N, C-alpha and C. Protein backbone atom coordinates (compact mmCIF):
# COMPACT_ATOMS: atom_id res chain seq x y z
N MET A 1 -20.14 -17.15 -18.45
CA MET A 1 -18.89 -16.49 -18.52
C MET A 1 -17.90 -17.19 -17.50
N ALA A 2 -16.73 -17.45 -17.99
CA ALA A 2 -15.67 -18.09 -17.14
C ALA A 2 -15.32 -17.12 -15.98
N LYS A 3 -14.92 -17.70 -14.83
CA LYS A 3 -14.69 -16.92 -13.71
C LYS A 3 -13.59 -15.86 -13.92
N ASP A 4 -12.48 -16.37 -14.50
CA ASP A 4 -11.36 -15.40 -14.84
C ASP A 4 -11.89 -14.19 -15.77
N ASP A 5 -12.68 -14.49 -16.71
CA ASP A 5 -13.30 -13.41 -17.67
C ASP A 5 -14.13 -12.47 -16.80
N PHE A 6 -14.91 -13.03 -15.91
CA PHE A 6 -15.81 -12.20 -15.04
C PHE A 6 -14.98 -11.31 -14.26
N PHE A 7 -13.89 -11.81 -13.67
CA PHE A 7 -13.06 -10.91 -12.69
C PHE A 7 -12.28 -9.89 -13.59
N ARG A 8 -11.85 -10.27 -14.80
CA ARG A 8 -11.11 -9.41 -15.65
C ARG A 8 -12.02 -8.16 -16.04
N LEU A 9 -13.22 -8.56 -16.40
CA LEU A 9 -14.25 -7.46 -16.85
C LEU A 9 -14.50 -6.55 -15.69
N ARG A 10 -14.75 -7.11 -14.39
CA ARG A 10 -14.99 -6.29 -13.35
C ARG A 10 -13.78 -5.38 -12.91
N ARG A 11 -12.61 -5.95 -13.19
CA ARG A 11 -11.24 -5.26 -12.89
C ARG A 11 -11.21 -3.97 -13.86
N GLU A 12 -11.56 -4.23 -15.16
CA GLU A 12 -11.45 -3.17 -16.10
C GLU A 12 -12.53 -2.16 -15.82
N GLN A 13 -13.73 -2.44 -15.28
CA GLN A 13 -14.76 -1.55 -14.90
C GLN A 13 -14.41 -0.65 -13.79
N LEU A 14 -13.72 -1.35 -12.90
CA LEU A 14 -13.22 -0.57 -11.61
C LEU A 14 -12.26 0.48 -12.06
N VAL A 15 -11.34 0.03 -12.88
CA VAL A 15 -10.26 0.95 -13.33
C VAL A 15 -10.92 2.09 -14.13
N GLN A 16 -11.83 1.93 -14.97
CA GLN A 16 -12.55 2.94 -15.71
C GLN A 16 -13.22 3.91 -14.74
N TYR A 17 -13.84 3.33 -13.68
CA TYR A 17 -14.50 4.27 -12.69
C TYR A 17 -13.45 5.09 -11.93
N MET A 18 -12.24 4.49 -11.69
CA MET A 18 -11.24 5.25 -10.92
C MET A 18 -10.61 6.24 -11.86
N LEU A 19 -10.56 6.05 -13.06
CA LEU A 19 -10.07 7.04 -13.99
C LEU A 19 -11.09 8.17 -14.06
N ALA A 20 -12.31 7.93 -14.20
CA ALA A 20 -13.35 8.90 -14.24
C ALA A 20 -13.37 9.82 -13.00
N SER A 21 -13.19 9.07 -11.82
CA SER A 21 -13.33 9.83 -10.53
C SER A 21 -12.07 10.64 -10.21
N GLY A 22 -10.99 10.40 -10.98
CA GLY A 22 -9.70 11.08 -10.88
C GLY A 22 -8.81 10.43 -9.84
N ALA A 23 -9.27 9.25 -9.22
CA ALA A 23 -8.30 8.58 -8.22
C ALA A 23 -7.10 8.00 -9.01
N ILE A 24 -7.25 7.51 -10.27
CA ILE A 24 -6.10 7.14 -11.10
C ILE A 24 -5.87 8.31 -11.99
N LYS A 25 -4.62 8.74 -12.08
CA LYS A 25 -4.17 9.85 -12.95
C LYS A 25 -3.12 9.36 -13.98
N SER A 26 -2.32 8.48 -13.53
CA SER A 26 -1.17 8.06 -14.44
C SER A 26 -1.31 6.71 -15.13
N GLU A 27 -0.67 6.55 -16.18
CA GLU A 27 -0.77 5.24 -16.95
C GLU A 27 -0.08 4.14 -16.11
N SER A 28 0.94 4.44 -15.35
CA SER A 28 1.59 3.33 -14.56
C SER A 28 0.72 2.82 -13.52
N VAL A 29 -0.04 3.69 -12.83
CA VAL A 29 -0.97 3.19 -11.82
C VAL A 29 -2.15 2.47 -12.41
N LYS A 30 -2.59 3.02 -13.53
CA LYS A 30 -3.69 2.26 -14.27
C LYS A 30 -3.18 0.83 -14.61
N GLN A 31 -2.02 0.72 -15.23
CA GLN A 31 -1.58 -0.56 -15.60
C GLN A 31 -1.36 -1.53 -14.44
N ALA A 32 -0.94 -0.96 -13.31
CA ALA A 32 -0.76 -1.84 -12.06
C ALA A 32 -2.06 -2.41 -11.70
N PHE A 33 -3.01 -1.54 -11.66
CA PHE A 33 -4.46 -2.01 -11.26
C PHE A 33 -5.05 -3.08 -12.16
N LEU A 34 -4.74 -2.92 -13.45
CA LEU A 34 -5.16 -3.89 -14.43
C LEU A 34 -4.41 -5.20 -14.31
N ALA A 35 -3.23 -5.18 -13.80
CA ALA A 35 -2.32 -6.42 -13.83
C ALA A 35 -2.56 -7.25 -12.53
N VAL A 36 -2.91 -6.63 -11.42
CA VAL A 36 -3.05 -7.38 -10.23
C VAL A 36 -4.42 -7.79 -9.89
N LYS A 37 -4.63 -9.01 -9.56
CA LYS A 37 -5.98 -9.61 -9.25
C LYS A 37 -6.32 -9.43 -7.87
N ARG A 38 -7.20 -8.49 -7.61
CA ARG A 38 -7.62 -8.28 -6.18
C ARG A 38 -8.25 -9.39 -5.57
N GLU A 39 -8.98 -10.26 -6.34
CA GLU A 39 -9.72 -11.44 -5.81
C GLU A 39 -8.73 -12.45 -5.12
N SER A 40 -7.45 -12.46 -5.72
CA SER A 40 -6.47 -13.52 -5.10
C SER A 40 -6.17 -13.08 -3.76
N PHE A 41 -6.38 -11.84 -3.22
CA PHE A 41 -5.86 -11.32 -1.89
C PHE A 41 -7.01 -11.31 -0.95
N MET A 42 -8.16 -11.84 -1.32
CA MET A 42 -9.35 -11.85 -0.50
C MET A 42 -9.75 -13.18 0.04
N PRO A 43 -10.46 -13.18 1.16
CA PRO A 43 -11.08 -14.54 1.58
C PRO A 43 -12.10 -14.96 0.46
N ALA A 44 -12.15 -16.31 0.36
CA ALA A 44 -13.07 -16.86 -0.80
C ALA A 44 -14.40 -16.37 -0.81
N HIS A 45 -15.01 -16.19 0.36
CA HIS A 45 -16.50 -15.76 0.51
C HIS A 45 -16.65 -14.28 0.08
N LEU A 46 -15.59 -13.56 -0.04
CA LEU A 46 -15.67 -12.17 -0.49
C LEU A 46 -15.23 -11.83 -1.86
N GLN A 47 -14.74 -12.90 -2.51
CA GLN A 47 -14.17 -12.63 -3.87
C GLN A 47 -15.16 -12.02 -4.93
N SER A 48 -16.39 -12.35 -4.72
CA SER A 48 -17.33 -11.72 -5.72
C SER A 48 -17.47 -10.29 -5.50
N ALA A 49 -17.03 -9.72 -4.40
CA ALA A 49 -17.14 -8.31 -4.10
C ALA A 49 -15.80 -7.69 -4.38
N ALA A 50 -14.73 -8.43 -5.00
CA ALA A 50 -13.33 -7.88 -5.03
C ALA A 50 -13.26 -6.56 -5.79
N TYR A 51 -14.24 -6.31 -6.72
CA TYR A 51 -14.03 -5.10 -7.58
C TYR A 51 -15.13 -4.01 -7.22
N SER A 52 -15.73 -4.13 -5.97
CA SER A 52 -16.48 -2.97 -5.46
C SER A 52 -15.56 -2.06 -4.86
N ASP A 53 -15.74 -0.71 -5.02
CA ASP A 53 -14.79 0.28 -4.55
C ASP A 53 -14.97 0.48 -2.94
N GLU A 54 -14.71 -0.63 -2.19
CA GLU A 54 -14.85 -0.44 -0.75
C GLU A 54 -13.69 -1.17 -0.03
N ALA A 55 -13.52 -0.87 1.19
CA ALA A 55 -12.63 -1.63 2.11
C ALA A 55 -13.41 -2.88 2.51
N LEU A 56 -12.71 -4.04 2.59
CA LEU A 56 -13.43 -5.30 3.03
C LEU A 56 -12.61 -5.99 4.09
N PRO A 57 -13.30 -6.68 4.91
CA PRO A 57 -12.56 -7.36 6.00
C PRO A 57 -11.72 -8.57 5.55
N ILE A 58 -10.46 -8.79 6.09
CA ILE A 58 -9.64 -9.93 5.65
C ILE A 58 -9.41 -10.79 6.90
N GLY A 59 -10.06 -10.48 8.04
CA GLY A 59 -9.85 -11.32 9.26
C GLY A 59 -8.92 -10.62 10.22
N LEU A 60 -8.93 -11.05 11.50
CA LEU A 60 -8.00 -10.50 12.48
C LEU A 60 -8.21 -8.97 12.69
N GLY A 61 -9.39 -8.52 12.41
CA GLY A 61 -9.62 -7.04 12.69
C GLY A 61 -9.03 -6.14 11.59
N GLN A 62 -8.54 -6.74 10.47
CA GLN A 62 -7.90 -5.93 9.51
C GLN A 62 -8.74 -5.85 8.26
N THR A 63 -8.34 -4.89 7.30
CA THR A 63 -9.06 -4.80 6.06
C THR A 63 -8.17 -4.70 4.87
N ILE A 64 -8.79 -5.01 3.73
CA ILE A 64 -8.06 -4.75 2.42
C ILE A 64 -8.67 -3.36 2.02
N SER A 65 -7.70 -2.33 1.89
CA SER A 65 -8.24 -0.99 1.62
C SER A 65 -9.04 -0.85 0.35
N GLN A 66 -9.88 0.29 0.27
CA GLN A 66 -10.66 0.62 -0.78
C GLN A 66 -9.64 0.98 -1.94
N PRO A 67 -9.95 0.35 -3.18
CA PRO A 67 -9.09 0.51 -4.31
C PRO A 67 -8.82 2.15 -4.63
N SER A 68 -9.86 2.93 -4.54
CA SER A 68 -9.61 4.30 -4.92
C SER A 68 -8.82 5.02 -3.78
N THR A 69 -8.81 4.62 -2.65
CA THR A 69 -7.84 5.10 -1.63
C THR A 69 -6.46 4.65 -1.87
N ILE A 70 -6.26 3.41 -2.24
CA ILE A 70 -4.94 2.90 -2.67
C ILE A 70 -4.39 3.73 -3.93
N ALA A 71 -5.29 3.91 -4.87
CA ALA A 71 -4.89 4.57 -6.07
C ALA A 71 -4.37 5.99 -5.72
N THR A 72 -5.16 6.71 -4.88
CA THR A 72 -4.74 8.06 -4.37
C THR A 72 -3.36 7.97 -3.79
N MET A 73 -3.14 7.05 -2.88
CA MET A 73 -1.90 6.90 -2.23
C MET A 73 -0.67 6.70 -3.29
N LEU A 74 -1.02 5.74 -4.24
CA LEU A 74 0.07 5.41 -5.15
C LEU A 74 0.37 6.51 -6.05
N GLU A 75 -0.61 7.37 -6.42
CA GLU A 75 -0.36 8.51 -7.14
C GLU A 75 0.56 9.55 -6.49
N LEU A 76 0.25 9.62 -5.11
CA LEU A 76 1.12 10.53 -4.30
C LEU A 76 2.46 9.99 -4.16
N LEU A 77 2.57 8.64 -4.11
CA LEU A 77 3.87 8.11 -3.83
C LEU A 77 4.86 8.12 -4.94
N GLN A 78 4.30 8.16 -6.21
CA GLN A 78 5.07 8.35 -7.41
C GLN A 78 6.30 7.34 -7.55
N VAL A 79 6.01 6.10 -7.41
CA VAL A 79 6.97 4.92 -7.52
C VAL A 79 7.52 4.93 -8.94
N GLN A 80 8.91 4.86 -9.01
CA GLN A 80 9.59 4.77 -10.34
C GLN A 80 10.19 3.38 -10.50
N LYS A 81 10.43 3.01 -11.70
CA LYS A 81 11.03 1.69 -11.98
C LYS A 81 12.38 1.63 -11.22
N GLY A 82 12.61 0.49 -10.54
CA GLY A 82 13.86 0.27 -9.96
C GLY A 82 13.90 0.76 -8.54
N ASN A 83 12.81 1.40 -8.09
CA ASN A 83 12.76 1.92 -6.64
C ASN A 83 12.84 0.81 -5.57
N LYS A 84 13.32 1.11 -4.47
CA LYS A 84 13.22 0.26 -3.26
C LYS A 84 12.19 0.89 -2.44
N VAL A 85 11.10 0.03 -2.20
CA VAL A 85 9.91 0.55 -1.52
C VAL A 85 9.65 -0.26 -0.21
N LEU A 86 9.20 0.46 0.77
CA LEU A 86 8.86 -0.24 2.03
C LEU A 86 7.30 0.14 2.32
N GLU A 87 6.50 -0.98 2.62
CA GLU A 87 5.14 -0.76 2.97
C GLU A 87 5.02 -1.16 4.57
N ILE A 88 4.42 -0.27 5.35
CA ILE A 88 4.11 -0.57 6.67
C ILE A 88 2.70 -0.96 6.75
N GLY A 89 2.36 -2.20 7.30
CA GLY A 89 1.03 -2.65 7.43
C GLY A 89 0.71 -3.45 6.17
N ALA A 90 1.45 -4.51 5.88
CA ALA A 90 1.35 -5.27 4.61
C ALA A 90 -0.12 -5.96 4.46
N GLY A 91 -0.69 -6.28 5.51
CA GLY A 91 -2.02 -6.81 5.46
C GLY A 91 -2.21 -7.90 4.43
N SER A 92 -3.09 -7.78 3.48
CA SER A 92 -3.39 -8.81 2.54
C SER A 92 -2.31 -9.05 1.48
N ALA A 93 -1.45 -8.03 1.45
CA ALA A 93 -0.26 -8.00 0.43
C ALA A 93 -0.86 -7.54 -0.95
N TYR A 94 -2.00 -7.17 -1.13
CA TYR A 94 -2.50 -6.54 -2.35
C TYR A 94 -1.76 -5.33 -2.85
N VAL A 95 -1.53 -4.34 -1.85
CA VAL A 95 -0.72 -3.17 -2.18
C VAL A 95 0.67 -3.51 -2.54
N LEU A 96 1.28 -4.51 -1.90
CA LEU A 96 2.68 -4.96 -2.18
C LEU A 96 2.76 -5.41 -3.62
N ALA A 97 1.79 -6.15 -4.01
CA ALA A 97 1.70 -6.59 -5.41
C ALA A 97 1.70 -5.38 -6.44
N LEU A 98 0.77 -4.46 -6.09
CA LEU A 98 0.67 -3.24 -6.90
C LEU A 98 2.05 -2.46 -6.95
N LEU A 99 2.66 -2.32 -5.80
CA LEU A 99 4.03 -1.67 -5.69
C LEU A 99 5.02 -2.42 -6.52
N SER A 100 4.97 -3.69 -6.51
CA SER A 100 5.88 -4.63 -7.28
C SER A 100 5.65 -4.34 -8.85
N GLU A 101 4.50 -4.17 -9.27
CA GLU A 101 4.22 -3.83 -10.68
C GLU A 101 4.76 -2.40 -11.06
N LEU A 102 4.68 -1.49 -10.06
CA LEU A 102 5.07 -0.16 -10.30
C LEU A 102 6.65 -0.03 -10.35
N ALA A 103 7.30 -0.79 -9.49
CA ALA A 103 8.73 -0.71 -9.45
C ALA A 103 9.48 -1.61 -10.41
N GLY A 104 8.68 -2.48 -11.05
CA GLY A 104 9.31 -3.38 -12.11
C GLY A 104 10.24 -4.37 -11.61
N GLU A 105 10.73 -5.11 -12.57
CA GLU A 105 11.59 -6.27 -12.12
C GLU A 105 12.89 -5.87 -11.34
N LYS A 106 13.39 -4.74 -11.65
CA LYS A 106 14.55 -4.23 -10.95
C LYS A 106 14.23 -3.57 -9.50
N GLY A 107 12.99 -3.36 -9.35
CA GLY A 107 12.61 -2.78 -8.01
C GLY A 107 12.59 -3.82 -6.83
N LYS A 108 12.80 -3.35 -5.65
CA LYS A 108 12.80 -4.16 -4.52
C LYS A 108 11.70 -3.66 -3.55
N ILE A 109 10.79 -4.57 -3.21
CA ILE A 109 9.65 -4.26 -2.35
C ILE A 109 9.71 -5.01 -1.01
N TYR A 110 9.62 -4.21 0.03
CA TYR A 110 9.64 -4.78 1.43
C TYR A 110 8.32 -4.45 2.07
N GLY A 111 7.89 -5.43 2.96
CA GLY A 111 6.64 -5.22 3.72
C GLY A 111 6.82 -5.70 5.13
N ILE A 112 6.28 -4.86 5.99
CA ILE A 112 6.24 -5.25 7.43
C ILE A 112 4.90 -5.45 7.89
N GLU A 113 4.64 -6.55 8.63
CA GLU A 113 3.29 -6.84 9.13
C GLU A 113 3.41 -7.17 10.54
N ILE A 114 2.63 -6.70 11.46
CA ILE A 114 2.67 -6.90 12.88
C ILE A 114 2.09 -8.31 13.26
N LEU A 115 1.15 -8.74 12.48
CA LEU A 115 0.44 -9.99 12.75
C LEU A 115 1.08 -11.21 11.98
N PRO A 116 1.66 -12.15 12.73
CA PRO A 116 2.37 -13.29 12.13
C PRO A 116 1.46 -14.01 11.15
N GLU A 117 0.21 -14.20 11.66
CA GLU A 117 -0.76 -15.02 10.82
C GLU A 117 -0.99 -14.30 9.46
N LEU A 118 -1.17 -13.08 9.48
CA LEU A 118 -1.40 -12.39 8.23
C LEU A 118 -0.16 -12.37 7.31
N LYS A 119 1.05 -12.32 7.81
CA LYS A 119 2.22 -12.25 7.19
C LYS A 119 2.39 -13.65 6.41
N GLN A 120 2.11 -14.71 7.10
CA GLN A 120 2.32 -16.07 6.53
C GLN A 120 1.19 -16.18 5.39
N ARG A 121 0.01 -15.75 5.58
CA ARG A 121 -1.01 -15.80 4.49
C ARG A 121 -0.65 -15.02 3.34
N ALA A 122 -0.11 -13.84 3.53
CA ALA A 122 0.31 -12.86 2.47
C ALA A 122 1.45 -13.53 1.69
N GLU A 123 2.44 -14.21 2.37
CA GLU A 123 3.53 -14.90 1.61
C GLU A 123 3.00 -15.94 0.70
N LYS A 124 2.12 -16.68 1.21
CA LYS A 124 1.54 -17.87 0.36
C LYS A 124 0.85 -17.28 -0.89
N ILE A 125 0.06 -16.17 -0.72
CA ILE A 125 -0.57 -15.56 -1.96
C ILE A 125 0.43 -15.06 -2.84
N LEU A 126 1.36 -14.36 -2.37
CA LEU A 126 2.43 -13.70 -3.19
C LEU A 126 3.15 -14.82 -3.97
N GLU A 127 3.37 -15.94 -3.42
CA GLU A 127 4.00 -17.08 -4.11
C GLU A 127 3.27 -17.48 -5.21
N LYS A 128 1.93 -17.75 -4.96
CA LYS A 128 0.91 -18.10 -5.96
C LYS A 128 0.93 -17.19 -7.12
N CYS A 129 0.98 -15.84 -6.83
CA CYS A 129 0.84 -14.81 -7.85
C CYS A 129 2.22 -14.51 -8.66
N ASN A 130 3.23 -15.39 -8.14
CA ASN A 130 4.54 -15.26 -8.77
C ASN A 130 5.18 -13.92 -8.58
N CYS A 131 4.96 -13.30 -7.47
CA CYS A 131 5.63 -11.96 -7.08
C CYS A 131 6.94 -12.31 -6.56
N LYS A 132 8.08 -12.09 -7.34
CA LYS A 132 9.37 -12.53 -6.86
C LYS A 132 10.20 -11.49 -6.17
N ASN A 133 9.88 -10.16 -6.34
CA ASN A 133 10.74 -9.13 -5.80
C ASN A 133 10.16 -8.51 -4.49
N ILE A 134 9.46 -9.31 -3.74
CA ILE A 134 8.85 -8.79 -2.44
C ILE A 134 9.35 -9.68 -1.23
N LYS A 135 9.76 -8.96 -0.21
CA LYS A 135 10.21 -9.63 0.90
C LYS A 135 9.31 -9.07 2.16
N LEU A 136 8.84 -10.01 2.93
CA LEU A 136 8.02 -9.74 4.11
C LEU A 136 8.71 -10.13 5.42
N LYS A 137 8.37 -9.30 6.48
CA LYS A 137 8.75 -9.77 7.84
C LYS A 137 7.73 -9.33 8.78
N VAL A 138 7.80 -10.04 9.92
CA VAL A 138 6.88 -9.72 11.10
C VAL A 138 7.63 -8.77 12.02
N GLY A 139 6.98 -7.66 12.46
CA GLY A 139 7.68 -6.70 13.27
C GLY A 139 6.94 -5.43 13.46
N ASP A 140 7.51 -4.48 14.24
CA ASP A 140 6.91 -3.25 14.52
C ASP A 140 7.31 -2.24 13.32
N GLY A 141 6.34 -1.99 12.47
CA GLY A 141 6.59 -1.24 11.22
C GLY A 141 7.00 0.21 11.50
N THR A 142 6.69 0.73 12.80
CA THR A 142 7.03 2.12 13.08
C THR A 142 8.56 2.24 13.23
N LEU A 143 9.32 1.14 13.37
CA LEU A 143 10.72 1.16 13.51
C LEU A 143 11.38 1.02 12.13
N GLY A 144 10.62 0.77 11.11
CA GLY A 144 11.16 0.61 9.73
C GLY A 144 11.92 -0.78 9.64
N TRP A 145 12.87 -0.78 8.64
CA TRP A 145 13.66 -1.99 8.40
C TRP A 145 14.96 -1.51 8.11
N LYS A 146 15.73 -1.33 9.29
CA LYS A 146 17.09 -0.60 9.24
C LYS A 146 18.00 -1.37 8.35
N GLU A 147 18.03 -2.64 8.35
CA GLU A 147 18.99 -3.42 7.56
C GLU A 147 18.91 -3.24 5.96
N LYS A 148 17.66 -2.87 5.67
CA LYS A 148 17.36 -2.74 4.14
C LYS A 148 17.35 -1.23 3.73
N ALA A 149 17.48 -0.26 4.65
CA ALA A 149 17.39 1.21 4.38
C ALA A 149 18.70 1.59 3.61
N PRO A 150 18.63 2.68 2.96
CA PRO A 150 17.55 3.70 2.85
C PRO A 150 16.51 3.23 1.66
N PHE A 151 15.30 3.75 1.86
CA PHE A 151 14.22 3.46 0.92
C PHE A 151 13.88 4.73 0.08
N ASP A 152 13.65 4.45 -1.25
CA ASP A 152 13.29 5.49 -2.04
C ASP A 152 11.79 5.91 -1.82
N ARG A 153 10.89 4.95 -1.41
CA ARG A 153 9.49 5.22 -1.12
C ARG A 153 9.18 4.40 0.08
N VAL A 154 8.27 5.09 0.86
CA VAL A 154 7.75 4.41 2.07
C VAL A 154 6.18 4.73 2.12
N LEU A 155 5.41 3.68 2.16
CA LEU A 155 3.95 3.76 2.26
C LEU A 155 3.49 3.26 3.62
N ILE A 156 2.71 4.05 4.26
CA ILE A 156 2.19 3.61 5.56
C ILE A 156 0.70 3.30 5.38
N SER A 157 0.22 1.98 5.47
CA SER A 157 -1.01 1.68 5.24
C SER A 157 -1.86 1.46 6.53
N ALA A 158 -1.71 2.41 7.43
CA ALA A 158 -2.42 2.46 8.75
C ALA A 158 -2.42 3.87 9.21
N ALA A 159 -3.45 4.24 10.08
CA ALA A 159 -3.58 5.49 10.51
C ALA A 159 -2.49 5.82 11.60
N CYS A 160 -1.79 7.01 11.36
CA CYS A 160 -0.69 7.40 12.21
C CYS A 160 -0.97 8.56 13.04
N PRO A 161 -0.58 8.66 14.30
CA PRO A 161 -0.70 9.94 15.02
C PRO A 161 0.23 10.98 14.49
N TYR A 162 1.33 10.50 13.94
CA TYR A 162 2.40 11.40 13.19
C TYR A 162 3.26 10.34 12.40
N VAL A 163 4.07 10.90 11.54
CA VAL A 163 4.85 10.00 10.77
C VAL A 163 6.11 9.56 11.60
N PRO A 164 6.23 8.22 11.84
CA PRO A 164 7.33 7.74 12.72
C PRO A 164 8.74 8.18 12.31
N LYS A 165 9.48 8.78 13.29
CA LYS A 165 10.82 9.30 13.10
C LYS A 165 11.76 8.27 12.37
N PRO A 166 11.82 6.97 12.84
CA PRO A 166 12.66 6.11 12.14
C PRO A 166 12.45 5.93 10.74
N LEU A 167 11.17 6.07 10.26
CA LEU A 167 10.88 5.96 8.84
C LEU A 167 11.39 7.17 8.05
N ILE A 168 11.36 8.37 8.65
CA ILE A 168 11.97 9.53 7.99
C ILE A 168 13.53 9.39 7.91
N GLU A 169 14.11 8.87 9.00
CA GLU A 169 15.58 8.59 8.93
C GLU A 169 15.91 7.62 7.99
N GLN A 170 15.04 6.73 7.64
CA GLN A 170 15.45 5.61 6.62
C GLN A 170 15.08 5.99 5.22
N LEU A 171 14.68 7.28 4.93
CA LEU A 171 14.29 7.73 3.62
C LEU A 171 15.53 8.22 2.96
N ALA A 172 15.64 7.74 1.65
CA ALA A 172 16.79 8.04 0.77
C ALA A 172 16.58 9.56 0.32
N GLU A 173 17.67 10.13 -0.20
CA GLU A 173 17.64 11.43 -0.84
C GLU A 173 16.64 11.39 -2.03
N ASN A 174 15.80 12.32 -2.22
CA ASN A 174 14.83 12.38 -3.19
C ASN A 174 13.62 11.35 -2.99
N GLY A 175 13.70 10.86 -1.75
CA GLY A 175 12.65 9.84 -1.39
C GLY A 175 11.34 10.50 -0.97
N ARG A 176 10.31 9.71 -0.80
CA ARG A 176 8.99 10.23 -0.34
C ARG A 176 8.23 9.22 0.48
N ILE A 177 7.61 9.66 1.55
CA ILE A 177 6.68 8.90 2.39
C ILE A 177 5.29 9.39 2.16
N VAL A 178 4.40 8.42 2.06
CA VAL A 178 2.97 8.82 2.09
C VAL A 178 2.31 8.06 3.19
N ALA A 179 1.54 8.79 4.09
CA ALA A 179 0.99 8.29 5.27
C ALA A 179 -0.28 8.99 5.65
N PRO A 180 -1.35 8.21 6.13
CA PRO A 180 -2.61 8.79 6.62
C PRO A 180 -2.38 9.24 8.06
N VAL A 181 -2.41 10.55 8.36
CA VAL A 181 -2.02 11.08 9.59
C VAL A 181 -3.32 11.81 10.19
N GLY A 182 -3.54 11.53 11.50
CA GLY A 182 -4.72 12.27 12.10
C GLY A 182 -5.02 11.59 13.44
N ASP A 183 -6.33 11.47 13.82
CA ASP A 183 -6.76 10.78 14.91
C ASP A 183 -7.19 9.39 14.58
N LYS A 184 -7.79 8.61 15.41
CA LYS A 184 -8.16 7.28 15.13
C LYS A 184 -9.35 7.18 14.20
N TYR A 185 -10.01 8.24 14.01
CA TYR A 185 -11.28 8.23 13.32
C TYR A 185 -11.24 8.83 11.85
N THR A 186 -10.42 9.90 11.67
CA THR A 186 -10.15 10.45 10.35
C THR A 186 -8.78 10.90 10.14
N GLN A 187 -8.33 10.59 8.99
CA GLN A 187 -6.87 10.96 8.65
C GLN A 187 -6.79 11.73 7.34
N MET A 188 -5.67 12.52 7.21
CA MET A 188 -5.40 13.16 5.90
C MET A 188 -4.06 12.65 5.40
N MET A 189 -3.87 12.55 4.06
CA MET A 189 -2.52 12.06 3.66
C MET A 189 -1.54 13.12 3.88
N ASN A 190 -0.37 12.72 4.34
CA ASN A 190 0.73 13.47 4.56
C ASN A 190 1.89 12.86 3.53
N ILE A 191 2.52 13.86 2.88
CA ILE A 191 3.73 13.52 2.01
C ILE A 191 4.95 14.11 2.60
N ILE A 192 5.88 13.28 2.87
CA ILE A 192 7.19 13.71 3.41
C ILE A 192 8.25 13.47 2.37
N LYS A 193 9.05 14.57 2.04
CA LYS A 193 10.01 14.36 1.04
C LYS A 193 11.36 14.65 1.62
N ARG A 194 12.49 14.07 1.05
CA ARG A 194 13.80 14.35 1.44
C ARG A 194 14.49 14.98 0.27
N ILE A 195 14.73 16.28 0.28
CA ILE A 195 15.34 17.06 -0.84
C ILE A 195 16.53 17.73 -0.40
N LYS A 196 17.68 17.37 -0.90
CA LYS A 196 18.99 18.05 -0.46
C LYS A 196 19.18 17.97 0.99
N GLY A 197 18.76 16.77 1.54
CA GLY A 197 19.00 16.65 2.98
C GLY A 197 17.92 17.24 3.87
N GLN A 198 17.04 18.09 3.27
CA GLN A 198 15.99 18.68 3.99
C GLN A 198 14.76 17.85 4.03
N VAL A 199 14.04 17.81 5.12
CA VAL A 199 12.77 17.08 5.18
C VAL A 199 11.62 18.11 4.98
N ILE A 200 10.85 17.77 3.97
CA ILE A 200 9.69 18.74 3.65
C ILE A 200 8.42 17.97 3.83
N LYS A 201 7.44 18.63 4.37
CA LYS A 201 6.10 17.97 4.65
C LYS A 201 5.09 18.71 3.77
N GLU A 202 4.12 17.98 3.19
CA GLU A 202 3.06 18.48 2.49
C GLU A 202 1.74 17.75 2.91
N GLU A 203 0.69 18.29 2.72
CA GLU A 203 -0.61 17.74 3.07
C GLU A 203 -1.45 17.57 1.85
N PHE A 204 -2.21 16.51 1.59
CA PHE A 204 -3.15 16.23 0.53
C PHE A 204 -4.45 16.54 1.09
N LEU A 205 -5.12 17.65 0.69
CA LEU A 205 -6.31 18.13 1.40
C LEU A 205 -7.57 17.83 0.69
N GLU A 206 -7.57 17.06 -0.36
CA GLU A 206 -8.76 16.84 -1.19
C GLU A 206 -9.70 15.84 -0.53
N ASN A 207 -9.22 15.03 0.36
CA ASN A 207 -10.10 14.00 1.01
C ASN A 207 -9.64 13.65 2.37
N TYR A 208 -10.66 13.19 3.09
CA TYR A 208 -10.30 12.45 4.48
C TYR A 208 -10.31 10.98 4.29
N PHE A 209 -9.65 10.21 5.12
CA PHE A 209 -9.54 8.80 5.01
C PHE A 209 -9.76 8.19 6.28
N VAL A 210 -10.06 6.90 6.33
CA VAL A 210 -10.21 6.09 7.57
C VAL A 210 -9.41 4.87 7.45
N PHE A 211 -8.34 4.72 8.30
CA PHE A 211 -7.54 3.47 8.25
C PHE A 211 -7.58 2.81 9.62
N VAL A 212 -7.25 1.57 9.70
CA VAL A 212 -7.07 0.90 10.99
C VAL A 212 -5.91 1.54 11.60
N PRO A 213 -5.80 1.65 12.97
CA PRO A 213 -4.73 2.34 13.60
C PRO A 213 -3.35 1.57 13.48
N LEU A 214 -2.35 2.44 13.26
CA LEU A 214 -0.89 1.91 13.25
C LEU A 214 -0.60 1.52 14.73
N ARG A 215 -0.05 0.29 14.86
CA ARG A 215 0.45 -0.26 16.09
C ARG A 215 1.96 -0.24 16.20
N GLY A 216 2.40 -0.08 17.36
CA GLY A 216 3.95 -0.12 17.53
C GLY A 216 4.41 1.08 18.35
N LYS A 217 5.78 1.09 18.52
CA LYS A 217 6.37 2.09 19.40
C LYS A 217 5.92 3.52 19.08
N TYR A 218 5.87 3.86 17.79
CA TYR A 218 5.52 5.29 17.36
C TYR A 218 4.09 5.32 16.78
N GLY A 219 3.31 4.34 17.07
CA GLY A 219 1.86 4.30 16.67
C GLY A 219 0.95 4.59 17.78
N TRP A 220 -0.22 3.94 17.76
CA TRP A 220 -1.14 4.12 18.87
C TRP A 220 -0.97 3.09 19.87
N GLU A 221 -1.38 3.36 21.12
CA GLU A 221 -1.12 2.46 22.20
C GLU A 221 -1.96 1.11 21.82
């Protein structure tokens, strides 16, 4: 079997598994996972494990998140076509590519990564994958990206002690933030919405999660 066919088959099997487990609920999230090649975002020696449902190391103490965890977050985020989306903790850029699929050609995707080496690696991968509507920068993600605000959707892909205030301030009307909030060992997904100027917080209570700690002014020391 050709390598591409092997990966496509494994990708389809993973999507079927996530549909059966309930991690994927919508057609849009399903199609995004089928379209984006997770193996492209991983170190060569781990590519054969690209479609196991687990978090895997990408170097520099960082991980590429478990697909079912990403699916849960994307379902909670509810990205619409044409949305402007910000991800904090861009890491491997796999989630940025999924967000790009969800937001479509008219969508704008922004990613902030605190580690310059990871950001450079992510940019090269995104270029190879022909993702044109994604912009990346190195910086403190807890401060957001003021010049590009407001954002329709904000995804925090790192464990937060609380949702950083600047990110709430940069949220558009009818916008939503999804973030794993808790201590350094277990977190629960928080959903922050801005409706008629009011900030509303909800918690997703079905699962606990474990993310690498968010670094920066409003993150962990």
